[in-house]
């Protein structure tokens, strides 16, 4: 039976997991206080909440949010970076930028939409240029180009007929005869 303090911590983690758009699990074991404060400062600028959590409490909170996390994620010290902003890519980039400069901190995994992402998937997500909105715009552009071509091809005969009829009407109105 958990103590009152642990029960409150579980409720807090459950709430944070439910509100966050992405939760990035990071291994910070061996990071000194100065390094942890530097990490917190960089993530605070990106509006990311960083919290060192007990693995058991995180597991219970994830189960309460109906998230099935791999048991291997709960090995070693776990620090969770909660991103609450709409753009998950920006949060992942902020964490990945710090991880690249640090020799101690590593990304373990992430929770996105209740699903667990592997370390490789998180790193790939951080490589998306421009963020989530730019990726959406690129997809729309990719879909829009063929549709525009199809529209132009299908409307070309009718458009050309209209041009010919308009030219003939202009010719008749000006008093010229057709040749």
N, C-alpha and C. Protein backbone atom coordinates (compact mmCIF):
# COMPACT_ATOMS: atom_id res chain seq x y z
N UNK A 1 0.84 -1.17 0.00
CA UNK A 1 0.00 0.00 0.00
C UNK A 1 0.89 1.24 0.00
N UNK A 2 0.73 2.14 -1.01
CA UNK A 2 1.60 3.32 -1.07
C UNK A 2 1.28 4.32 0.03
N UNK A 3 2.31 5.03 0.43
CA UNK A 3 2.11 6.07 1.44
C UNK A 3 1.35 7.24 0.81
N UNK A 4 0.92 8.16 1.66
CA UNK A 4 0.17 9.32 1.18
C UNK A 4 1.01 10.14 0.20
N UNK A 5 2.29 10.32 0.50
CA UNK A 5 3.17 11.11 -0.38
C UNK A 5 3.32 10.43 -1.74
N UNK A 6 3.48 9.12 -1.73
CA UNK A 6 3.61 8.39 -3.00
C UNK A 6 2.30 8.42 -3.78
N UNK A 7 1.17 8.32 -3.09
CA UNK A 7 -0.12 8.38 -3.76
C UNK A 7 -0.32 9.74 -4.43
N UNK A 8 0.10 10.80 -3.75
CA UNK A 8 0.00 12.14 -4.34
C UNK A 8 0.92 12.27 -5.55
N UNK A 9 2.11 11.69 -5.45
CA UNK A 9 3.06 11.73 -6.56
C UNK A 9 2.52 10.96 -7.77
N UNK A 10 1.87 9.83 -7.50
CA UNK A 10 1.27 9.04 -8.58
C UNK A 10 0.17 9.83 -9.25
N UNK A 11 -0.66 10.51 -8.46
CA UNK A 11 -1.73 11.34 -9.01
C UNK A 11 -1.16 12.47 -9.86
N UNK A 12 -0.08 13.08 -9.37
CA UNK A 12 0.56 14.17 -10.12
C UNK A 12 1.12 13.65 -11.45
N UNK A 13 1.79 12.51 -11.42
CA UNK A 13 2.35 11.92 -12.65
C UNK A 13 1.24 11.50 -13.61
N UNK A 14 0.16 10.94 -13.06
CA UNK A 14 -0.98 10.54 -13.90
C UNK A 14 -1.55 11.76 -14.60
N UNK A 15 -1.69 12.85 -13.88
CA UNK A 15 -2.21 14.09 -14.46
C UNK A 15 -1.27 14.62 -15.54
N UNK A 16 0.02 14.65 -15.25
CA UNK A 16 0.99 15.17 -16.22
C UNK A 16 1.04 14.30 -17.48
N UNK A 17 0.99 12.99 -17.31
CA UNK A 17 0.99 12.10 -18.47
C UNK A 17 -0.27 12.30 -19.30
N UNK A 18 -1.39 12.54 -18.63
CA UNK A 18 -2.65 12.75 -19.35
C UNK A 18 -2.69 14.08 -20.09
N UNK A 19 -2.08 15.12 -19.53
CA UNK A 19 -2.10 16.44 -20.16
C UNK A 19 -1.03 16.63 -21.22
N UNK A 20 0.06 15.91 -21.10
CA UNK A 20 1.19 16.13 -22.01
C UNK A 20 0.92 15.56 -23.40
N UNK A 21 1.45 16.27 -24.40
CA UNK A 21 1.36 15.76 -25.77
C UNK A 21 2.46 14.74 -26.02
N UNK A 22 3.60 14.92 -25.33
CA UNK A 22 4.69 13.97 -25.42
C UNK A 22 5.43 13.95 -24.09
N UNK A 23 5.87 12.76 -23.71
CA UNK A 23 6.69 12.59 -22.51
C UNK A 23 7.95 11.85 -22.95
N UNK A 24 9.09 12.50 -22.79
CA UNK A 24 10.36 11.94 -23.23
C UNK A 24 11.09 11.41 -22.01
N UNK A 25 11.40 10.12 -22.03
CA UNK A 25 12.09 9.49 -20.93
C UNK A 25 13.60 9.55 -21.19
N UNK A 26 14.32 10.11 -20.22
CA UNK A 26 15.74 10.38 -20.38
C UNK A 26 16.50 9.73 -19.24
N UNK A 27 17.67 9.21 -19.54
CA UNK A 27 18.57 8.64 -18.53
C UNK A 27 19.55 9.74 -18.15
N UNK A 28 19.50 10.21 -16.89
CA UNK A 28 20.38 11.29 -16.44
C UNK A 28 21.32 10.83 -15.33
N UNK A 29 21.45 9.55 -15.15
CA UNK A 29 22.30 9.02 -14.09
C UNK A 29 23.74 9.46 -14.32
N UNK A 30 24.34 10.06 -13.30
CA UNK A 30 25.71 10.54 -13.39
C UNK A 30 25.80 12.03 -13.70
N UNK A 31 24.68 12.67 -13.99
CA UNK A 31 24.66 14.09 -14.28
C UNK A 31 24.73 14.86 -12.97
N UNK A 32 25.67 15.80 -12.88
CA UNK A 32 25.81 16.56 -11.64
C UNK A 32 24.74 17.65 -11.55
N UNK A 33 24.69 18.35 -10.43
CA UNK A 33 23.66 19.34 -10.17
C UNK A 33 23.75 20.49 -11.19
N UNK A 34 24.97 20.90 -11.51
CA UNK A 34 25.16 21.98 -12.48
C UNK A 34 24.60 21.57 -13.84
N UNK A 35 24.89 20.35 -14.25
CA UNK A 35 24.38 19.84 -15.53
C UNK A 35 22.86 19.72 -15.53
N UNK A 36 22.29 19.26 -14.41
CA UNK A 36 20.84 19.12 -14.31
C UNK A 36 20.17 20.49 -14.36
N UNK A 37 20.76 21.48 -13.69
CA UNK A 37 20.20 22.84 -13.74
C UNK A 37 20.29 23.42 -15.15
N UNK A 38 21.38 23.12 -15.84
CA UNK A 38 21.53 23.58 -17.23
C UNK A 38 20.48 22.94 -18.12
N UNK A 39 20.25 21.64 -17.93
CA UNK A 39 19.22 20.93 -18.69
C UNK A 39 17.85 21.51 -18.40
N UNK A 40 17.53 21.72 -17.14
CA UNK A 40 16.24 22.30 -16.76
C UNK A 40 16.06 23.68 -17.39
N UNK A 41 17.11 24.48 -17.37
CA UNK A 41 17.04 25.83 -17.94
C UNK A 41 16.76 25.80 -19.44
N UNK A 42 17.46 24.93 -20.16
CA UNK A 42 17.25 24.84 -21.61
C UNK A 42 15.85 24.34 -21.95
N UNK A 43 15.36 23.40 -21.17
CA UNK A 43 14.03 22.86 -21.42
C UNK A 43 12.93 23.83 -20.98
N UNK A 44 13.20 24.61 -19.96
CA UNK A 44 12.22 25.59 -19.50
C UNK A 44 11.96 26.63 -20.59
N UNK A 45 13.01 27.00 -21.32
CA UNK A 45 12.86 27.95 -22.43
C UNK A 45 11.92 27.38 -23.49
N UNK A 46 11.99 26.07 -23.71
CA UNK A 46 11.13 25.40 -24.69
C UNK A 46 9.78 25.00 -24.09
N UNK A 47 9.49 25.45 -22.87
CA UNK A 47 8.22 25.17 -22.17
C UNK A 47 8.03 23.67 -21.93
N UNK A 48 9.11 23.04 -21.47
CA UNK A 48 9.08 21.62 -21.16
C UNK A 48 9.35 21.45 -19.68
N UNK A 49 8.53 20.65 -19.03
CA UNK A 49 8.63 20.39 -17.61
C UNK A 49 9.50 19.15 -17.41
N UNK A 50 10.57 19.27 -16.63
CA UNK A 50 11.49 18.16 -16.39
C UNK A 50 11.33 17.68 -14.96
N UNK A 51 11.21 16.35 -14.79
CA UNK A 51 11.00 15.80 -13.46
C UNK A 51 11.68 14.45 -13.34
N UNK A 52 12.48 14.28 -12.29
CA UNK A 52 13.08 12.98 -11.98
C UNK A 52 12.01 12.18 -11.24
N UNK A 53 11.76 10.96 -11.71
CA UNK A 53 10.67 10.17 -11.12
C UNK A 53 11.18 8.79 -10.72
N UNK A 54 10.47 8.21 -9.79
CA UNK A 54 10.74 6.81 -9.43
C UNK A 54 10.06 5.94 -10.48
N UNK A 55 10.77 4.91 -10.91
CA UNK A 55 10.27 4.04 -11.97
C UNK A 55 8.94 3.39 -11.61
N UNK A 56 8.80 2.95 -10.38
CA UNK A 56 7.56 2.29 -9.96
C UNK A 56 6.38 3.25 -10.03
N UNK A 57 6.58 4.49 -9.59
CA UNK A 57 5.50 5.47 -9.62
C UNK A 57 5.13 5.82 -11.06
N UNK A 58 6.14 5.91 -11.94
CA UNK A 58 5.87 6.19 -13.35
C UNK A 58 5.12 5.03 -13.99
N UNK A 59 5.49 3.82 -13.64
CA UNK A 59 4.80 2.64 -14.19
C UNK A 59 3.33 2.63 -13.76
N UNK A 60 3.07 2.92 -12.49
CA UNK A 60 1.69 2.94 -11.99
C UNK A 60 0.90 4.06 -12.67
N UNK A 61 1.51 5.24 -12.81
CA UNK A 61 0.83 6.37 -13.45
C UNK A 61 0.54 6.07 -14.92
N UNK A 62 1.46 5.41 -15.60
CA UNK A 62 1.22 5.07 -17.01
C UNK A 62 0.11 4.03 -17.14
N UNK A 63 0.06 3.09 -16.21
CA UNK A 63 -1.02 2.09 -16.23
C UNK A 63 -2.38 2.75 -15.98
N UNK A 64 -2.41 3.76 -15.12
CA UNK A 64 -3.67 4.47 -14.86
C UNK A 64 -4.13 5.26 -16.08
N UNK A 65 -3.20 5.63 -16.94
CA UNK A 65 -3.54 6.33 -18.17
C UNK A 65 -3.70 5.37 -19.35
N UNK A 66 -3.81 4.07 -19.05
CA UNK A 66 -3.98 3.03 -20.07
C UNK A 66 -2.87 3.03 -21.10
N UNK A 67 -1.64 3.24 -20.63
CA UNK A 67 -0.46 3.19 -21.50
C UNK A 67 0.32 1.94 -21.14
N UNK A 68 0.62 1.16 -22.15
CA UNK A 68 1.41 -0.05 -21.89
C UNK A 68 2.86 0.23 -22.27
N UNK A 69 3.69 0.39 -21.26
CA UNK A 69 5.10 0.68 -21.48
C UNK A 69 5.93 -0.58 -21.28
N UNK A 70 7.00 -0.66 -22.05
CA UNK A 70 7.91 -1.80 -21.97
C UNK A 70 8.63 -1.78 -20.61
N UNK A 71 8.74 -2.92 -19.99
CA UNK A 71 9.37 -3.02 -18.66
C UNK A 71 10.83 -2.58 -18.69
N UNK A 72 11.50 -2.70 -19.84
CA UNK A 72 12.91 -2.32 -19.94
C UNK A 72 13.11 -0.82 -19.74
N UNK A 73 12.06 -0.04 -19.94
CA UNK A 73 12.16 1.41 -19.76
C UNK A 73 12.38 1.79 -18.31
N UNK A 74 12.04 0.89 -17.41
CA UNK A 74 12.10 1.19 -16.00
C UNK A 74 13.39 0.71 -15.35
N UNK A 75 14.43 0.55 -16.15
CA UNK A 75 15.75 0.20 -15.63
C UNK A 75 16.57 1.47 -15.47
N UNK A 76 17.23 1.62 -14.35
CA UNK A 76 18.05 2.79 -14.13
C UNK A 76 17.21 4.01 -13.78
N UNK A 77 17.92 5.12 -13.57
CA UNK A 77 17.24 6.37 -13.20
C UNK A 77 16.46 6.90 -14.40
N UNK A 78 15.28 7.41 -14.15
CA UNK A 78 14.44 7.95 -15.22
C UNK A 78 14.07 9.39 -14.91
N UNK A 79 14.29 10.25 -15.89
CA UNK A 79 13.86 11.63 -15.83
C UNK A 79 12.90 11.81 -16.98
N UNK A 80 11.77 12.45 -16.72
CA UNK A 80 10.75 12.62 -17.75
C UNK A 80 10.64 14.09 -18.11
N UNK A 81 10.68 14.36 -19.42
CA UNK A 81 10.48 15.70 -19.94
C UNK A 81 9.07 15.74 -20.52
N UNK A 82 8.18 16.50 -19.88
CA UNK A 82 6.79 16.59 -20.31
C UNK A 82 6.63 17.79 -21.24
N UNK A 83 6.19 17.53 -22.46
CA UNK A 83 5.91 18.61 -23.41
C UNK A 83 4.41 18.80 -23.52
N UNK A 84 3.94 20.00 -23.23
CA UNK A 84 2.50 20.27 -23.24
C UNK A 84 2.07 21.05 -24.48
N UNK A 85 3.03 21.53 -25.26
CA UNK A 85 2.72 22.32 -26.45
C UNK A 85 2.16 21.43 -27.55
N UNK A 86 1.52 22.05 -28.52
CA UNK A 86 0.90 21.33 -29.64
C UNK A 86 1.95 20.63 -30.52
N UNK A 87 3.13 21.24 -30.63
CA UNK A 87 4.16 20.72 -31.51
C UNK A 87 5.12 19.80 -30.74
N UNK A 88 4.91 18.50 -30.89
CA UNK A 88 5.74 17.52 -30.19
C UNK A 88 7.18 17.51 -30.70
N UNK A 89 7.35 17.83 -31.97
CA UNK A 89 8.68 17.80 -32.58
C UNK A 89 9.61 18.81 -31.92
N UNK A 90 9.09 19.98 -31.59
CA UNK A 90 9.90 21.00 -30.94
C UNK A 90 10.41 20.52 -29.58
N UNK A 91 9.56 19.84 -28.84
CA UNK A 91 9.97 19.31 -27.54
C UNK A 91 11.06 18.26 -27.69
N UNK A 92 10.88 17.38 -28.67
CA UNK A 92 11.88 16.33 -28.89
C UNK A 92 13.20 16.95 -29.33
N UNK A 93 13.13 17.97 -30.17
CA UNK A 93 14.36 18.64 -30.63
C UNK A 93 15.11 19.27 -29.47
N UNK A 94 14.39 19.90 -28.55
CA UNK A 94 15.03 20.55 -27.40
C UNK A 94 15.78 19.52 -26.56
N UNK A 95 15.17 18.39 -26.31
CA UNK A 95 15.83 17.34 -25.52
C UNK A 95 16.99 16.74 -26.31
N UNK A 96 16.77 16.46 -27.59
CA UNK A 96 17.81 15.84 -28.42
C UNK A 96 19.03 16.76 -28.57
N UNK A 97 18.80 18.08 -28.64
CA UNK A 97 19.92 19.02 -28.73
C UNK A 97 20.80 18.94 -27.50
N UNK A 98 20.18 18.85 -26.33
CA UNK A 98 20.97 18.74 -25.11
C UNK A 98 21.69 17.39 -25.06
N UNK A 99 21.01 16.33 -25.46
CA UNK A 99 21.62 15.00 -25.43
C UNK A 99 22.85 14.95 -26.33
N UNK A 100 22.79 15.62 -27.48
CA UNK A 100 23.93 15.63 -28.41
C UNK A 100 25.15 16.29 -27.79
N UNK A 101 24.95 17.31 -26.95
CA UNK A 101 26.07 18.01 -26.34
C UNK A 101 26.55 17.34 -25.06
N UNK A 102 25.75 16.47 -24.50
CA UNK A 102 26.10 15.81 -23.24
C UNK A 102 26.64 14.41 -23.50
N UNK A 103 27.63 14.03 -22.70
CA UNK A 103 28.16 12.67 -22.83
C UNK A 103 27.50 11.73 -21.83
N UNK A 104 26.70 12.29 -20.93
CA UNK A 104 26.08 11.49 -19.87
C UNK A 104 24.62 11.19 -20.16
N UNK A 105 23.88 12.19 -20.58
CA UNK A 105 22.43 12.07 -20.76
C UNK A 105 22.13 11.31 -22.05
N UNK A 106 21.19 10.36 -21.96
CA UNK A 106 20.75 9.61 -23.13
C UNK A 106 19.21 9.54 -23.14
N UNK A 107 18.67 9.42 -24.33
CA UNK A 107 17.23 9.26 -24.47
C UNK A 107 16.91 7.77 -24.35
N UNK A 108 15.96 7.45 -23.48
CA UNK A 108 15.53 6.07 -23.32
C UNK A 108 14.37 5.75 -24.26
N UNK A 109 13.38 6.63 -24.27
CA UNK A 109 12.16 6.39 -25.03
C UNK A 109 11.30 7.64 -24.95
N UNK A 110 10.11 7.53 -25.51
CA UNK A 110 9.13 8.62 -25.39
C UNK A 110 7.73 8.03 -25.44
N UNK A 111 6.79 8.76 -24.90
CA UNK A 111 5.38 8.37 -24.95
C UNK A 111 4.66 9.43 -25.77
N UNK A 112 4.13 9.02 -26.89
CA UNK A 112 3.44 9.93 -27.80
C UNK A 112 2.08 9.35 -28.11
N UNK A 113 1.03 10.03 -27.68
CA UNK A 113 -0.33 9.56 -27.93
C UNK A 113 -0.62 8.21 -27.27
N UNK A 114 -0.02 7.97 -26.11
CA UNK A 114 -0.25 6.72 -25.40
C UNK A 114 0.59 5.55 -25.90
N UNK A 115 1.37 5.79 -26.96
CA UNK A 115 2.23 4.74 -27.53
C UNK A 115 3.68 5.00 -27.15
N UNK A 116 4.42 3.94 -27.00
CA UNK A 116 5.84 4.06 -26.69
C UNK A 116 6.64 4.16 -27.97
N UNK A 117 7.54 5.13 -28.02
CA UNK A 117 8.46 5.26 -29.13
C UNK A 117 9.83 4.75 -28.70
N UNK A 118 10.52 4.09 -29.60
CA UNK A 118 11.86 3.61 -29.30
C UNK A 118 12.84 4.78 -29.34
N UNK A 119 14.04 4.54 -28.88
CA UNK A 119 15.08 5.57 -28.90
C UNK A 119 15.33 6.04 -30.34
N UNK A 120 15.37 5.12 -31.27
CA UNK A 120 15.60 5.44 -32.68
C UNK A 120 14.47 6.30 -33.23
N UNK A 121 13.23 5.96 -32.89
CA UNK A 121 12.08 6.74 -33.36
C UNK A 121 12.11 8.17 -32.81
N UNK A 122 12.53 8.30 -31.56
CA UNK A 122 12.63 9.63 -30.96
C UNK A 122 13.70 10.44 -31.68
N UNK A 123 14.85 9.82 -31.97
CA UNK A 123 15.92 10.52 -32.68
C UNK A 123 15.48 10.90 -34.09
N UNK A 124 14.72 10.03 -34.75
CA UNK A 124 14.20 10.34 -36.09
C UNK A 124 13.20 11.49 -36.02
N UNK A 125 12.40 11.51 -34.99
CA UNK A 125 11.42 12.59 -34.80
C UNK A 125 12.14 13.93 -34.62
N UNK A 126 13.28 13.89 -33.94
CA UNK A 126 14.05 15.12 -33.73
C UNK A 126 14.68 15.63 -35.02
N UNK A 127 14.82 14.77 -36.00
CA UNK A 127 15.44 15.17 -37.28
C UNK A 127 14.47 15.83 -38.25
N UNK A 128 13.18 15.83 -37.93
CA UNK A 128 12.19 16.47 -38.80
C UNK A 128 12.48 17.96 -38.82
N UNK A 129 12.66 18.50 -40.01
CA UNK A 129 13.01 19.92 -40.12
C UNK A 129 11.76 20.79 -39.95
N UNK A 130 11.93 21.87 -39.18
CA UNK A 130 10.87 22.85 -39.07
C UNK A 130 9.76 22.54 -38.09
N UNK A 131 9.62 21.35 -37.67
CA UNK A 131 8.57 21.03 -36.71
C UNK A 131 7.35 20.40 -37.35
N UNK A 132 6.35 20.21 -36.52
CA UNK A 132 5.14 19.50 -36.91
C UNK A 132 4.36 20.24 -38.00
N UNK A 133 4.24 21.55 -37.88
CA UNK A 133 3.47 22.32 -38.85
C UNK A 133 4.11 22.29 -40.23
N UNK A 134 5.43 22.35 -40.29
CA UNK A 134 6.10 22.29 -41.59
C UNK A 134 5.92 20.91 -42.21
N UNK A 135 5.98 19.86 -41.40
CA UNK A 135 5.77 18.51 -41.93
C UNK A 135 4.36 18.37 -42.50
N UNK A 136 3.38 18.95 -41.81
CA UNK A 136 2.00 18.93 -42.33
C UNK A 136 1.91 19.68 -43.65
N UNK A 137 2.57 20.84 -43.72
CA UNK A 137 2.53 21.64 -44.95
C UNK A 137 3.18 20.89 -46.10
N UNK A 138 4.26 20.17 -45.84
CA UNK A 138 4.92 19.39 -46.89
C UNK A 138 4.01 18.27 -47.40
N UNK A 139 3.30 17.62 -46.50
CA UNK A 139 2.38 16.56 -46.91
C UNK A 139 1.25 17.14 -47.76
N UNK A 140 0.72 18.28 -47.35
CA UNK A 140 -0.34 18.92 -48.12
C UNK A 140 0.17 19.31 -49.51
N UNK A 141 1.39 19.81 -49.56
CA UNK A 141 1.98 20.17 -50.85
C UNK A 141 2.18 18.97 -51.75
N UNK A 142 2.61 17.87 -51.17
CA UNK A 142 2.80 16.64 -51.93
C UNK A 142 1.47 16.13 -52.48
N UNK A 143 0.41 16.23 -51.69
CA UNK A 143 -0.90 15.79 -52.14
C UNK A 143 -1.55 16.77 -53.11
N UNK A 144 -1.26 18.05 -52.94
CA UNK A 144 -1.91 19.07 -53.74
C UNK A 144 -1.39 19.10 -55.18
N UNK A 145 -0.13 18.86 -55.40
CA UNK A 145 0.46 18.96 -56.74
C UNK A 145 -0.22 18.02 -57.75
N UNK A 146 -0.36 16.73 -57.46
CA UNK A 146 -1.03 15.87 -58.44
C UNK A 146 -2.51 16.24 -58.64
N UNK A 147 -3.17 16.67 -57.57
CA UNK A 147 -4.58 17.06 -57.70
C UNK A 147 -4.72 18.28 -58.60
N UNK A 148 -3.80 19.21 -58.49
CA UNK A 148 -3.83 20.39 -59.35
C UNK A 148 -3.63 20.00 -60.80
N UNK A 149 -2.71 19.08 -61.06
CA UNK A 149 -2.46 18.61 -62.43
C UNK A 149 -3.68 17.90 -63.00
N UNK A 150 -4.31 17.08 -62.19
CA UNK A 150 -5.51 16.36 -62.66
C UNK A 150 -6.63 17.36 -62.96
N UNK A 151 -6.80 18.34 -62.10
CA UNK A 151 -7.83 19.36 -62.31
C UNK A 151 -7.57 20.11 -63.63
N UNK A 152 -6.32 20.50 -63.84
CA UNK A 152 -5.98 21.23 -65.07
C UNK A 152 -6.23 20.38 -66.31
N UNK A 153 -5.88 19.11 -66.24
CA UNK A 153 -6.07 18.21 -67.38
C UNK A 153 -7.56 18.00 -67.67
N UNK A 154 -8.36 17.84 -66.65
CA UNK A 154 -9.79 17.59 -66.85
C UNK A 154 -10.55 18.84 -67.31
N UNK A 155 -10.12 20.00 -66.91
CA UNK A 155 -10.84 21.23 -67.29
C UNK A 155 -10.31 21.87 -68.56
N UNK A 156 -9.18 21.40 -69.09
CA UNK A 156 -8.57 22.01 -70.28
C UNK A 156 -9.50 21.99 -71.49
N UNK A 157 -10.16 20.88 -71.87
CA UNK A 157 -11.01 20.91 -73.07
C UNK A 157 -12.17 21.91 -72.95
N UNK A 158 -12.81 21.95 -71.81
CA UNK A 158 -13.91 22.89 -71.62
C UNK A 158 -13.41 24.34 -71.65
N UNK A 159 -12.28 24.58 -71.02
CA UNK A 159 -11.68 25.91 -71.00
C UNK A 159 -11.31 26.35 -72.43
N UNK A 160 -10.71 25.43 -73.20
CA UNK A 160 -10.34 25.75 -74.58
C UNK A 160 -11.57 26.03 -75.43
N UNK A 161 -12.64 25.27 -75.24
CA UNK A 161 -13.88 25.50 -75.97
C UNK A 161 -14.44 26.89 -75.65
N UNK A 162 -14.38 27.28 -74.39
CA UNK A 162 -14.85 28.61 -73.99
C UNK A 162 -14.03 29.70 -74.67
N UNK A 163 -12.70 29.51 -74.75
CA UNK A 163 -11.86 30.49 -75.42
C UNK A 163 -12.22 30.63 -76.90
N UNK A 164 -12.48 29.51 -77.58
CA UNK A 164 -12.85 29.53 -79.00
C UNK A 164 -14.19 30.23 -79.19
N UNK A 165 -15.17 29.89 -78.36
CA UNK A 165 -16.48 30.53 -78.45
C UNK A 165 -16.40 32.03 -78.17
N UNK A 166 -15.61 32.42 -77.20
CA UNK A 166 -15.44 33.84 -76.87
C UNK A 166 -14.77 34.58 -78.02
N UNK A 167 -13.76 33.95 -78.64
CA UNK A 167 -13.09 34.58 -79.78
C UNK A 167 -14.07 34.75 -80.94
N UNK A 168 -14.91 33.74 -81.19
CA UNK A 168 -15.90 33.83 -82.28
C UNK A 168 -16.93 34.91 -81.97
N UNK A 169 -17.37 35.02 -80.71
CA UNK A 169 -18.34 36.05 -80.33
C UNK A 169 -17.73 37.44 -80.51
N UNK A 170 -16.46 37.61 -80.11
CA UNK A 170 -15.78 38.89 -80.29
C UNK A 170 -15.66 39.24 -81.77
N UNK A 171 -15.39 38.22 -82.57
CA UNK A 171 -15.24 38.40 -84.02
C UNK A 171 -16.57 38.85 -84.63
N UNK A 172 -17.68 38.22 -84.22
CA UNK A 172 -18.99 38.59 -84.75
C UNK A 172 -19.43 39.97 -84.29
N UNK A 173 -19.11 40.33 -83.05
CA UNK A 173 -19.47 41.65 -82.52
C UNK A 173 -18.69 42.78 -83.19
N UNK A 174 -17.50 42.51 -83.63
CA UNK A 174 -16.71 43.55 -84.29
C UNK A 174 -17.03 43.69 -85.77
N UNK A 175 -17.90 42.84 -86.28
CA UNK A 175 -18.35 42.93 -87.66
C UNK A 175 -17.46 42.18 -88.62
N UNK A 176 -16.54 41.46 -88.17
CA UNK A 176 -15.67 40.69 -89.04
C UNK A 176 -16.30 39.35 -89.33
N UNK A 177 -15.97 38.80 -90.43
CA UNK A 177 -16.47 37.46 -90.79
C UNK A 177 -15.40 36.44 -90.53
N UNK A 178 -15.86 35.25 -90.32
CA UNK A 178 -14.93 34.16 -90.06
C UNK A 178 -14.30 33.70 -91.36
N UNK A 179 -13.09 33.32 -91.32
CA UNK A 179 -12.38 32.85 -92.51
C UNK A 179 -12.27 31.37 -92.53
